[in-house]
Amino acid sequence: MSDFDWLFFIEVLVGGLLSGVMYSLVAIGFVLIYKTSGVLNFAQGAMLLFAALTFVSLTERGVPFALAFAITFAIMVVIGIAIERTVLRPLTNKPPITLFMATLGLSYVIEGAAQLIWGTQVHGLDLGIEDLPFDVGGVFISQFDIFAAVVAAGMVAALSAFFRYTRIGLGFRAVADDQFAALAIGLRLPWIWATVWAAAGLVALVAGLLWGARVGVQFSLSLIVLKALPVLVLGGFDSILGAIVGGLLIGATEKLAEVYIGEYFGGGIEGWFAYVVALAFLLVRPSGLFGQKLVERV
């Protein structure tokens, strides 16, 4: 054990944790929708793609960064509200599989609309952050990873403060706890659902810019949602805190596994190891670390 390179271990661990923060940001979009309406929004990945593609297409046409961000955010709010009102609201009280299939179909509709409007070419996205190593006590950390982690942490803090201290946020928490009780005290569920979908659109925009800057803005970007699924399994589908913790655990686990045991499996296990962990976790704690356990009375 004396030959163990602890600095390298810490470097791999920190890199995994920083990647995990970006996984968490995608997972939070799922949590916001699922917590209030019980819908697993599989269209979140397509929303992420549409947001990134819209933003980069606007900037390439000479629109300033801040204005492009504002326009894209407004578009994502409109898309989110339109989805809630035209698709999900009519399907209220339908079986969960019906809602899931609706969002799955929506993902292809949104991707098709993105292709129709902006084309299929791959775009590079430069946020002005150089991806150079930064030396912290002998541990080299990517500057972009640090930037992405700070942005993601700021987004999580802002959402947490919004839902904890604002009137709409308190209404969101009431709906998440008991929709019928929320209706009984006069809360307007359609307004709250629309706000939540708008927040999910903002999360998709921020996540889309960060992931687009890292891997390029291309249609495979919508598959980032698959990385969020193990995060949700570990943390729980209805917990923002769980999404954060789950993302950190998945990010760290897959990086460490790739480096230290990947060679025994021929390498390349980073792409699927998180699903093995999630499957094993489902057998032990299906509701996740912070998810609410469902209790059915018969």
C-alpha atoms as a PDB file:
ATOM      1  CA  MET A   1       0.000   0.000   0.000  1.00  0.00           C
ATOM      2  CA  SER A   2       3.029   2.259   0.422  1.00  0.00           C
ATOM      3  CA  ASP A   3       3.299   2.425  -3.367  1.00  0.00           C
ATOM      4  CA  PHE A   4      -0.262   3.660  -3.729  1.00  0.00           C
ATOM      5  CA  ASP A   5      -0.395   7.061  -5.464  1.00  0.00           C
ATOM      6  CA  TRP A   6      -2.750   9.034  -3.263  1.00  0.00           C
ATOM      7  CA  LEU A   7      -2.411  12.243  -5.259  1.00  0.00           C
ATOM      8  CA  PHE A   8      -3.521  10.435  -8.407  1.00  0.00           C
ATOM      9  CA  PHE A   9      -6.388   8.811  -6.504  1.00  0.00           C
ATOM     10  CA  ILE A  10      -7.555  12.208  -5.255  1.00  0.00           C
ATOM     11  CA  GLU A  11      -7.226  13.640  -8.756  1.00  0.00           C
ATOM     12  CA  VAL A  12      -9.432  10.881 -10.206  1.00  0.00           C
ATOM     13  CA  LEU A  13     -11.909  11.212  -7.324  1.00  0.00           C
ATOM     14  CA  VAL A  14     -12.217  14.985  -7.686  1.00  0.00           C
ATOM     15  CA  GLY A  15     -12.643  14.660 -11.446  1.00  0.00           C
ATOM     16  CA  GLY A  16     -15.423  12.138 -10.879  1.00  0.00           C
ATOM     17  CA  LEU A  17     -17.152  14.355  -8.316  1.00  0.00           C
ATOM     18  CA  LEU A  18     -17.046  17.334 -10.672  1.00  0.00           C
ATOM     19  CA  SER A  19     -18.526  15.231 -13.477  1.00  0.00           C
ATOM     20  CA  GLY A  20     -21.139  14.030 -11.017  1.00  0.00           C
ATOM     21  CA  VAL A  21     -22.264  17.602 -10.396  1.00  0.00           C
ATOM     22  CA  MET A  22     -23.127  17.890 -14.089  1.00  0.00           C
ATOM     23  CA  TYR A  23     -25.050  14.607 -13.906  1.00  0.00           C
ATOM     24  CA  SER A  24     -26.947  16.042 -10.950  1.00  0.00           C
ATOM     25  CA  LEU A  25     -27.921  19.113 -12.943  1.00  0.00           C
ATOM     26  CA  VAL A  26     -29.587  16.920 -15.573  1.00  0.00           C
ATOM     27  CA  ALA A  27     -31.249  14.772 -12.893  1.00  0.00           C
ATOM     28  CA  ILE A  28     -32.760  17.820 -11.174  1.00  0.00           C
ATOM     29  CA  GLY A  29     -34.834  18.466 -14.298  1.00  0.00           C
ATOM     30  CA  PHE A  30     -36.405  15.033 -13.820  1.00  0.00           C
ATOM     31  CA  VAL A  31     -36.972  15.591 -10.110  1.00  0.00           C
ATOM     32  CA  LEU A  32     -38.796  18.909 -10.561  1.00  0.00           C
ATOM     33  CA  ILE A  33     -41.414  17.337 -12.842  1.00  0.00           C
ATOM     34  CA  TYR A  34     -41.701  14.002 -11.065  1.00  0.00           C
ATOM     35  CA  LYS A  35     -42.071  15.542  -7.616  1.00  0.00           C
ATOM     36  CA  THR A  36     -45.135  17.604  -8.533  1.00  0.00           C
ATOM     37  CA  SER A  37     -46.871  15.487 -11.137  1.00  0.00           C
ATOM     38  CA  GLY A  38     -45.496  11.961 -10.828  1.00  0.00           C
ATOM     39  CA  VAL A  39     -44.334  12.064 -14.472  1.00  0.00           C
ATOM     40  CA  LEU A  40     -40.931  10.706 -15.458  1.00  0.00           C
ATOM     41  CA  ASN A  41     -40.192  13.317 -18.109  1.00  0.00           C
ATOM     42  CA  PHE A  42     -38.146  11.418 -20.661  1.00  0.00           C
ATOM     43  CA  ALA A  43     -38.318  14.488 -22.912  1.00  0.00           C
ATOM     44  CA  GLN A  44     -35.861  16.303 -20.613  1.00  0.00           C
ATOM     45  CA  GLY A  45     -32.952  15.218 -22.807  1.00  0.00           C
ATOM     46  CA  ALA A  46     -34.633  16.565 -25.935  1.00  0.00           C
ATOM     47  CA  MET A  47     -35.331  19.829 -24.113  1.00  0.00           C
ATOM     48  CA  LEU A  48     -31.650  20.009 -23.173  1.00  0.00           C
ATOM     49  CA  LEU A  49     -30.670  19.457 -26.826  1.00  0.00           C
ATOM     50  CA  PHE A  50     -33.190  22.002 -28.136  1.00  0.00           C
ATOM     51  CA  ALA A  51     -31.981  24.638 -25.657  1.00  0.00           C
ATOM     52  CA  ALA A  52     -28.297  24.156 -26.502  1.00  0.00           C
ATOM     53  CA  LEU A  53     -28.974  24.057 -30.245  1.00  0.00           C
ATOM     54  CA  THR A  54     -31.132  27.179 -30.126  1.00  0.00           C
ATOM     55  CA  PHE A  55     -28.562  29.109 -28.108  1.00  0.00           C
ATOM     56  CA  VAL A  56     -25.558  28.193 -30.243  1.00  0.00           C
ATOM     57  CA  SER A  57     -27.500  28.849 -33.466  1.00  0.00           C
ATOM     58  CA  LEU A  58     -28.445  32.322 -32.244  1.00  0.00           C
ATOM     59  CA  THR A  59     -24.882  33.194 -31.222  1.00  0.00           C
ATOM     60  CA  GLU A  60     -23.550  31.969 -34.564  1.00  0.00           C
ATOM     61  CA  ARG A  61     -25.916  34.436 -36.206  1.00  0.00           C
ATOM     62  CA  GLY A  62     -24.399  37.321 -34.275  1.00  0.00           C
ATOM     63  CA  VAL A  63     -26.813  37.556 -31.344  1.00  0.00           C
ATOM     64  CA  PRO A  64     -24.961  38.642 -28.145  1.00  0.00           C
ATOM     65  CA  PHE A  65     -24.489  36.009 -25.443  1.00  0.00           C
ATOM     66  CA  ALA A  66     -26.838  37.581 -22.864  1.00  0.00           C
ATOM     67  CA  LEU A  67     -29.587  38.214 -25.408  1.00  0.00           C
ATOM     68  CA  ALA A  68     -29.272  34.709 -26.861  1.00  0.00           C
ATOM     69  CA  PHE A  69     -29.542  33.281 -23.347  1.00  0.00           C
ATOM     70  CA  ALA A  70     -32.658  35.355 -22.605  1.00  0.00           C
ATOM     71  CA  ILE A  71     -34.321  34.426 -25.895  1.00  0.00           C
ATOM     72  CA  THR A  72     -33.542  30.738 -25.442  1.00  0.00           C
ATOM     73  CA  PHE A  73     -34.830  30.799 -21.869  1.00  0.00           C
ATOM     74  CA  ALA A  74     -38.087  32.418 -23.041  1.00  0.00           C
ATOM     75  CA  ILE A  75     -38.447  29.738 -25.731  1.00  0.00           C
ATOM     76  CA  MET A  76     -37.846  26.953 -23.189  1.00  0.00           C
ATOM     77  CA  VAL A  77     -40.478  28.445 -20.860  1.00  0.00           C
ATOM     78  CA  VAL A  78     -42.991  28.502 -23.720  1.00  0.00           C
ATOM     79  CA  ILE A  79     -42.137  24.903 -24.648  1.00  0.00           C
ATOM     80  CA  GLY A  80     -42.460  23.741 -21.054  1.00  0.00           C
ATOM     81  CA  ILE A  81     -45.820  25.430 -20.521  1.00  0.00           C
ATOM     82  CA  ALA A  82     -47.082  24.168 -23.894  1.00  0.00           C
ATOM     83  CA  ILE A  83     -46.136  20.582 -23.015  1.00  0.00           C
ATOM     84  CA  GLU A  84     -47.903  20.818 -19.671  1.00  0.00           C
ATOM     85  CA  ARG A  85     -51.086  22.334 -21.078  1.00  0.00           C
ATOM     86  CA  THR A  86     -51.501  20.480 -24.361  1.00  0.00           C
ATOM     87  CA  VAL A  87     -50.164  17.019 -23.533  1.00  0.00           C
ATOM     88  CA  LEU A  88     -49.833  16.279 -19.840  1.00  0.00           C
ATOM     89  CA  ARG A  89     -52.820  18.130 -18.432  1.00  0.00           C
ATOM     90  CA  PRO A  90     -55.308  16.164 -20.585  1.00  0.00           C
ATOM     91  CA  LEU A  91     -53.616  12.966 -19.383  1.00  0.00           C
ATOM     92  CA  THR A  92     -54.037  13.771 -15.680  1.00  0.00           C
ATOM     93  CA  ASN A  93     -54.944  10.676 -13.618  1.00  0.00           C
ATOM     94  CA  LYS A  94     -53.939   8.354 -16.452  1.00  0.00           C
ATOM     95  CA  PRO A  95     -51.689   5.348 -15.694  1.00  0.00           C
ATOM     96  CA  PRO A  96     -47.980   6.201 -15.234  1.00  0.00           C
ATOM     97  CA  ILE A  97     -47.024   4.174 -18.313  1.00  0.00           C
ATOM     98  CA  THR A  98     -49.308   6.394 -20.425  1.00  0.00           C
ATOM     99  CA  LEU A  99     -47.602   9.538 -19.153  1.00  0.00           C
ATOM    100  CA  PHE A 100     -44.172   8.016 -19.675  1.00  0.00           C
ATOM    101  CA  MET A 101     -44.999   7.069 -23.274  1.00  0.00           C
ATOM    102  CA  ALA A 102     -46.331  10.595 -23.844  1.00  0.00           C
ATOM    103  CA  THR A 103     -43.030  12.152 -22.747  1.00  0.00           C
ATOM    104  CA  LEU A 104     -41.110   9.575 -24.794  1.00  0.00           C
ATOM    105  CA  GLY A 105     -43.074  10.613 -27.861  1.00  0.00           C
ATOM    106  CA  LEU A 106     -42.522  14.266 -26.991  1.00  0.00           C
ATOM    107  CA  SER A 107     -38.767  13.724 -26.974  1.00  0.00           C
ATOM    108  CA  TYR A 108     -38.872  12.676 -30.638  1.00  0.00           C
ATOM    109  CA  VAL A 109     -41.192  15.543 -31.528  1.00  0.00           C
ATOM    110  CA  ILE A 110     -38.842  18.080 -29.910  1.00  0.00           C
ATOM    111  CA  GLU A 111     -35.783  16.532 -31.569  1.00  0.00           C
ATOM    112  CA  GLY A 112     -37.571  16.612 -34.920  1.00  0.00           C
ATOM    113  CA  ALA A 113     -38.487  20.256 -34.411  1.00  0.00           C
ATOM    114  CA  ALA A 114     -34.870  21.070 -33.543  1.00  0.00           C
ATOM    115  CA  GLN A 115     -33.679  19.334 -36.713  1.00  0.00           C
ATOM    116  CA  LEU A 116     -36.310  21.112 -38.822  1.00  0.00           C
ATOM    117  CA  ILE A 117     -35.495  24.566 -37.444  1.00  0.00           C
ATOM    118  CA  TRP A 118     -31.727  24.471 -36.916  1.00  0.00           C
ATOM    119  CA  GLY A 119     -30.468  21.588 -39.067  1.00  0.00           C
ATOM    120  CA  THR A 120     -28.392  18.539 -38.143  1.00  0.00           C
ATOM    121  CA  GLN A 121     -24.821  19.831 -38.245  1.00  0.00           C
ATOM    122  CA  VAL A 122     -22.568  19.623 -35.200  1.00  0.00           C
ATOM    123  CA  HIS A 123     -21.771  22.935 -33.479  1.00  0.00           C
ATOM    124  CA  GLY A 124     -18.881  23.866 -31.229  1.00  0.00           C
ATOM    125  CA  LEU A 125     -19.884  25.897 -28.186  1.00  0.00           C
ATOM    126  CA  ASP A 126     -17.334  28.186 -26.549  1.00  0.00           C
ATOM    127  CA  LEU A 127     -18.295  29.645 -23.185  1.00  0.00           C
ATOM    128  CA  GLY A 128     -14.960  31.423 -22.833  1.00  0.00           C
ATOM    129  CA  ILE A 129     -13.578  28.954 -20.284  1.00  0.00           C
ATOM    130  CA  GLU A 130     -10.339  27.227 -21.229  1.00  0.00           C
ATOM    131  CA  ASP A 131     -10.188  23.527 -20.437  1.00  0.00           C
ATOM    132  CA  LEU A 132      -6.708  23.657 -18.897  1.00  0.00           C
ATOM    133  CA  PRO A 133      -5.468  21.805 -15.809  1.00  0.00           C
ATOM    134  CA  PHE A 134      -5.350  23.791 -12.584  1.00  0.00           C
ATOM    135  CA  ASP A 135      -2.841  22.727  -9.930  1.00  0.00           C
ATOM    136  CA  VAL A 136      -4.311  22.469  -6.421  1.00  0.00           C
ATOM    137  CA  GLY A 137      -1.728  21.053  -4.032  1.00  0.00           C
ATOM    138  CA  GLY A 138      -0.339  18.706  -6.644  1.00  0.00           C
ATOM    139  CA  VAL A 139      -3.795  17.641  -7.825  1.00  0.00           C
ATOM    140  CA  PHE A 140      -4.622  18.732 -11.386  1.00  0.00           C
ATOM    141  CA  ILE A 141      -8.234  19.749 -11.950  1.00  0.00           C
ATOM    142  CA  SER A 142      -9.807  20.937 -15.179  1.00  0.00           C
ATOM    143  CA  GLN A 143     -10.715  24.623 -15.082  1.00  0.00           C
ATOM    144  CA  PHE A 144     -13.859  23.913 -17.097  1.00  0.00           C
ATOM    145  CA  ASP A 145     -14.915  21.225 -14.615  1.00  0.00           C
ATOM    146  CA  ILE A 146     -14.503  23.721 -11.785  1.00  0.00           C
ATOM    147  CA  PHE A 147     -16.518  26.313 -13.694  1.00  0.00           C
ATOM    148  CA  ALA A 148     -19.269  23.795 -14.492  1.00  0.00           C
ATOM    149  CA  ALA A 149     -19.409  22.645 -10.878  1.00  0.00           C
ATOM    150  CA  VAL A 150     -19.701  26.231  -9.607  1.00  0.00           C
ATOM    151  CA  VAL A 151     -22.487  27.003 -12.104  1.00  0.00           C
ATOM    152  CA  ALA A 152     -24.325  23.799 -11.241  1.00  0.00           C
ATOM    153  CA  ALA A 153     -23.957  24.438  -7.520  1.00  0.00           C
ATOM    154  CA  GLY A 154     -25.256  27.981  -8.001  1.00  0.00           C
ATOM    155  CA  MET A 155     -28.255  26.649  -9.940  1.00  0.00           C
ATOM    156  CA  VAL A 156     -29.021  24.125  -7.208  1.00  0.00           C
ATOM    157  CA  ALA A 157     -28.726  26.791  -4.500  1.00  0.00           C
ATOM    158  CA  ALA A 158     -30.991  29.185  -6.435  1.00  0.00           C
ATOM    159  CA  LEU A 159     -33.643  26.523  -7.014  1.00  0.00           C
ATOM    160  CA  SER A 160     -33.497  25.403  -3.403  1.00  0.00           C
ATOM    161  CA  ALA A 161     -33.918  28.990  -2.168  1.00  0.00           C
ATOM    162  CA  PHE A 162     -36.746  29.612  -4.649  1.00  0.00           C
ATOM    163  CA  PHE A 163     -38.736  26.551  -3.609  1.00  0.00           C
ATOM    164  CA  ARG A 164     -38.067  27.064   0.088  1.00  0.00           C
ATOM    165  CA  TYR A 165     -38.651  30.785   0.578  1.00  0.00           C
ATOM    166  CA  THR A 166     -40.986  32.033  -2.164  1.00  0.00           C
ATOM    167  CA  ARG A 167     -44.764  31.735  -2.224  1.00  0.00           C
ATOM    168  CA  ILE A 168     -44.734  29.724  -5.436  1.00  0.00           C
ATOM    169  CA  GLY A 169     -42.021  27.513  -3.999  1.00  0.00           C
ATOM    170  CA  LEU A 170     -44.071  26.812  -0.886  1.00  0.00           C
ATOM    171  CA  GLY A 171     -46.998  25.971  -3.140  1.00  0.00           C
ATOM    172  CA  PHE A 172     -44.747  23.583  -5.050  1.00  0.00           C
ATOM    173  CA  ARG A 173     -43.805  21.812  -1.833  1.00  0.00           C
ATOM    174  CA  ALA A 174     -47.466  21.574  -0.805  1.00  0.00           C
ATOM    175  CA  VAL A 175     -48.404  20.027  -4.161  1.00  0.00           C
ATOM    176  CA  ALA A 176     -45.485  17.606  -3.890  1.00  0.00           C
ATOM    177  CA  ASP A 177     -46.687  16.465  -0.448  1.00  0.00           C
ATOM    178  CA  ASP A 178     -50.398  16.115  -1.267  1.00  0.00           C
ATOM    179  CA  GLN A 179     -52.124  17.378  -4.405  1.00  0.00           C
ATOM    180  CA  PHE A 180     -55.638  16.955  -2.990  1.00  0.00           C
ATOM    181  CA  ALA A 181     -54.777  18.867   0.181  1.00  0.00           C
ATOM    182  CA  ALA A 182     -53.206  21.611  -1.956  1.00  0.00           C
ATOM    183  CA  LEU A 183     -56.425  21.885  -3.965  1.00  0.00           C
ATOM    184  CA  ALA A 184     -58.465  22.003  -0.768  1.00  0.00           C
ATOM    185  CA  ILE A 185     -56.627  25.099   0.481  1.00  0.00           C
ATOM    186  CA  GLY A 186     -57.069  26.911  -2.822  1.00  0.00           C
ATOM    187  CA  LEU A 187     -53.722  26.455  -4.573  1.00  0.00           C
ATOM    188  CA  ARG A 188     -53.866  26.761  -8.360  1.00  0.00           C
ATOM    189  CA  LEU A 189     -52.245  23.567  -9.552  1.00  0.00           C
ATOM    190  CA  PRO A 190     -52.037  24.543 -13.272  1.00  0.00           C
ATOM    191  CA  TRP A 191     -50.075  27.684 -12.354  1.00  0.00           C
ATOM    192  CA  ILE A 192     -47.708  25.724 -10.121  1.00  0.00           C
ATOM    193  CA  TRP A 193     -47.196  23.026 -12.752  1.00  0.00           C
ATOM    194  CA  ALA A 194     -46.478  25.691 -15.383  1.00  0.00           C
ATOM    195  CA  THR A 195     -43.885  27.275 -13.084  1.00  0.00           C
ATOM    196  CA  VAL A 196     -42.238  23.919 -12.468  1.00  0.00           C
ATOM    197  CA  TRP A 197     -42.044  23.204 -16.203  1.00  0.00           C
ATOM    198  CA  ALA A 198     -40.523  26.656 -16.732  1.00  0.00           C
ATOM    199  CA  ALA A 199     -37.914  25.848 -14.063  1.00  0.00           C
ATOM    200  CA  ALA A 200     -37.223  22.524 -15.791  1.00  0.00           C
ATOM    201  CA  GLY A 201     -36.693  24.486 -19.020  1.00  0.00           C
ATOM    202  CA  LEU A 202     -34.124  26.699 -17.294  1.00  0.00           C
ATOM    203  CA  VAL A 203     -32.324  23.648 -15.929  1.00  0.00           C
ATOM    204  CA  ALA A 204     -32.316  22.126 -19.431  1.00  0.00           C
ATOM    205  CA  LEU A 205     -30.818  25.333 -20.825  1.00  0.00           C
ATOM    206  CA  VAL A 206     -27.987  25.538 -18.292  1.00  0.00           C
ATOM    207  CA  ALA A 207     -27.245  21.815 -18.529  1.00  0.00           C
ATOM    208  CA  GLY A 208     -27.370  21.997 -22.315  1.00  0.00           C
ATOM    209  CA  LEU A 209     -24.817  24.820 -22.434  1.00  0.00           C
ATOM    210  CA  LEU A 210     -22.421  23.052 -20.066  1.00  0.00           C
ATOM    211  CA  TRP A 211     -22.659  19.678 -21.791  1.00  0.00           C
ATOM    212  CA  GLY A 212     -22.620  21.325 -25.229  1.00  0.00           C
ATOM    213  CA  ALA A 213     -19.405  23.144 -24.369  1.00  0.00           C
ATOM    214  CA  ARG A 214     -17.865  19.862 -23.234  1.00  0.00           C
ATOM    215  CA  VAL A 215     -18.916  17.417 -25.968  1.00  0.00           C
ATOM    216  CA  GLY A 216     -20.265  19.699 -28.714  1.00  0.00           C
ATOM    217  CA  VAL A 217     -23.839  20.544 -29.604  1.00  0.00           C
ATOM    218  CA  GLN A 218     -25.077  17.522 -31.537  1.00  0.00           C
ATOM    219  CA  PHE A 219     -28.118  15.277 -31.496  1.00  0.00           C
ATOM    220  CA  SER A 220     -26.433  12.669 -29.308  1.00  0.00           C
ATOM    221  CA  LEU A 221     -26.611  15.327 -26.582  1.00  0.00           C
ATOM    222  CA  SER A 222     -30.180  14.208 -25.866  1.00  0.00           C
ATOM    223  CA  LEU A 223     -28.805  10.862 -24.661  1.00  0.00           C
ATOM    224  CA  ILE A 224     -27.283  12.643 -21.657  1.00  0.00           C
ATOM    225  CA  VAL A 225     -30.560  11.820 -19.894  1.00  0.00           C
ATOM    226  CA  LEU A 226     -29.450   8.204 -19.742  1.00  0.00           C
ATOM    227  CA  LYS A 227     -26.620   9.305 -17.436  1.00  0.00           C
ATOM    228  CA  ALA A 228     -29.202  10.823 -15.102  1.00  0.00           C
ATOM    229  CA  LEU A 229     -31.122   7.574 -14.596  1.00  0.00           C
ATOM    230  CA  PRO A 230     -28.561   5.870 -12.302  1.00  0.00           C
ATOM    231  CA  VAL A 231     -28.334   9.171 -10.404  1.00  0.00           C
ATOM    232  CA  LEU A 232     -32.088   9.131  -9.829  1.00  0.00           C
ATOM    233  CA  VAL A 233     -32.050   5.479  -8.778  1.00  0.00           C
ATOM    234  CA  LEU A 234     -29.435   6.179  -6.110  1.00  0.00           C
ATOM    235  CA  GLY A 235     -30.752   9.511  -4.878  1.00  0.00           C
ATOM    236  CA  GLY A 236     -34.481   9.043  -5.351  1.00  0.00           C
ATOM    237  CA  PHE A 237     -36.781  10.332  -8.073  1.00  0.00           C
ATOM    238  CA  ASP A 238     -38.435  12.945  -5.850  1.00  0.00           C
ATOM    239  CA  SER A 239     -35.495  14.522  -4.014  1.00  0.00           C
ATOM    240  CA  ILE A 240     -33.328  17.424  -5.197  1.00  0.00           C
ATOM    241  CA  LEU A 241     -30.831  16.598  -2.452  1.00  0.00           C
ATOM    242  CA  GLY A 242     -30.893  12.997  -3.645  1.00  0.00           C
ATOM    243  CA  ALA A 243     -30.108  14.129  -7.199  1.00  0.00           C
ATOM    244  CA  ILE A 244     -27.042  15.972  -5.916  1.00  0.00           C
ATOM    245  CA  VAL A 245     -25.770  13.139  -3.736  1.00  0.00           C
ATOM    246  CA  GLY A 246     -26.584  10.529  -6.379  1.00  0.00           C
ATOM    247  CA  GLY A 247     -24.712  12.499  -9.025  1.00  0.00           C
ATOM    248  CA  LEU A 248     -21.630  12.784  -6.847  1.00  0.00           C
ATOM    249  CA  LEU A 249     -21.693   9.068  -6.046  1.00  0.00           C
ATOM    250  CA  ILE A 250     -22.173   8.005  -9.661  1.00  0.00           C
ATOM    251  CA  GLY A 251     -19.525  10.412 -10.959  1.00  0.00           C
ATOM    252  CA  ALA A 252     -16.934   9.293  -8.423  1.00  0.00           C
ATOM    253  CA  THR A 253     -17.769   5.589  -8.725  1.00  0.00           C
ATOM    254  CA  GLU A 254     -17.545   5.349 -12.495  1.00  0.00           C
ATOM    255  CA  LYS A 255     -14.257   7.277 -12.684  1.00  0.00           C
ATOM    256  CA  LEU A 256     -12.609   5.218  -9.953  1.00  0.00           C
ATOM    257  CA  ALA A 257     -13.913   1.985 -11.452  1.00  0.00           C
ATOM    258  CA  GLU A 258     -12.550   2.853 -14.895  1.00  0.00           C
ATOM    259  CA  VAL A 259      -9.103   3.690 -13.542  1.00  0.00           C
ATOM    260  CA  TYR A 260      -8.650   0.947 -10.951  1.00  0.00           C
ATOM    261  CA  ILE A 261     -10.608  -2.067 -12.166  1.00  0.00           C
ATOM    262  CA  GLY A 262     -11.286  -1.235 -15.821  1.00  0.00           C
ATOM    263  CA  GLU A 263      -8.224  -3.107 -17.031  1.00  0.00           C
ATOM    264  CA  TYR A 264      -9.657  -6.376 -15.673  1.00  0.00           C
ATOM    265  CA  PHE A 265     -12.687  -5.977 -17.978  1.00  0.00           C
ATOM    266  CA  GLY A 266     -10.812  -4.828 -21.051  1.00  0.00           C
ATOM    267  CA  GLY A 267     -11.355  -1.118 -20.317  1.00  0.00           C
ATOM    268  CA  GLY A 268     -14.261   1.124 -21.233  1.00  0.00           C
ATOM    269  CA  ILE A 269     -16.395   0.234 -18.217  1.00  0.00           C
ATOM    270  CA  GLU A 270     -17.099   3.885 -17.381  1.00  0.00           C
ATOM    271  CA  GLY A 271     -19.990   3.875 -19.832  1.00  0.00           C
ATOM    272  CA  TRP A 272     -21.904   1.056 -18.150  1.00  0.00           C
ATOM    273  CA  PHE A 273     -20.580   0.646 -14.608  1.00  0.00           C
ATOM    274  CA  ALA A 274     -23.043   3.218 -13.217  1.00  0.00           C
ATOM    275  CA  TYR A 275     -25.950   1.040 -14.369  1.00  0.00           C
ATOM    276  CA  VAL A 276     -24.509  -1.972 -12.573  1.00  0.00           C
ATOM    277  CA  VAL A 277     -24.338   0.097  -9.385  1.00  0.00           C
ATOM    278  CA  ALA A 278     -27.906   1.348  -9.930  1.00  0.00           C
ATOM    279  CA  LEU A 279     -29.229  -2.172 -10.532  1.00  0.00           C
ATOM    280  CA  ALA A 280     -27.559  -3.462  -7.376  1.00  0.00           C
ATOM    281  CA  PHE A 281     -28.952  -0.502  -5.435  1.00  0.00           C
ATOM    282  CA  LEU A 282     -32.480  -1.168  -6.703  1.00  0.00           C
ATOM    283  CA  LEU A 283     -32.354  -4.617  -5.110  1.00  0.00           C
ATOM    284  CA  VAL A 284     -31.470  -3.107  -1.725  1.00  0.00           C
ATOM    285  CA  ARG A 285     -33.312   0.222  -1.617  1.00  0.00           C
ATOM    286  CA  PRO A 286     -35.737   0.736  -4.522  1.00  0.00           C
ATOM    287  CA  SER A 287     -36.829   4.205  -3.338  1.00  0.00           C
ATOM    288  CA  GLY A 288     -33.261   5.561  -3.330  1.00  0.00           C
ATOM    289  CA  LEU A 289     -31.304   7.182  -0.528  1.00  0.00           C
ATOM    290  CA  PHE A 290     -33.626  10.170  -0.139  1.00  0.00           C
ATOM    291  CA  GLY A 291     -36.757   9.093  -2.027  1.00  0.00           C
ATOM    292  CA  GLN A 292     -40.072   8.645  -0.261  1.00  0.00           C
ATOM    293  CA  LYS A 293     -41.114   5.081   0.311  1.00  0.00           C
ATOM    294  CA  LEU A 294     -44.479   4.283  -1.216  1.00  0.00           C
ATOM    295  CA  VAL A 295     -46.920   2.745   1.234  1.00  0.00           C
ATOM    296  CA  GLU A 296     -50.011   1.127  -0.224  1.00  0.00           C
ATOM    297  CA  ARG A 297     -52.961   0.386   2.044  1.00  0.00           C
ATOM    298  CA  VAL A 298     -55.124  -2.586   1.208  1.00  0.00           C
END
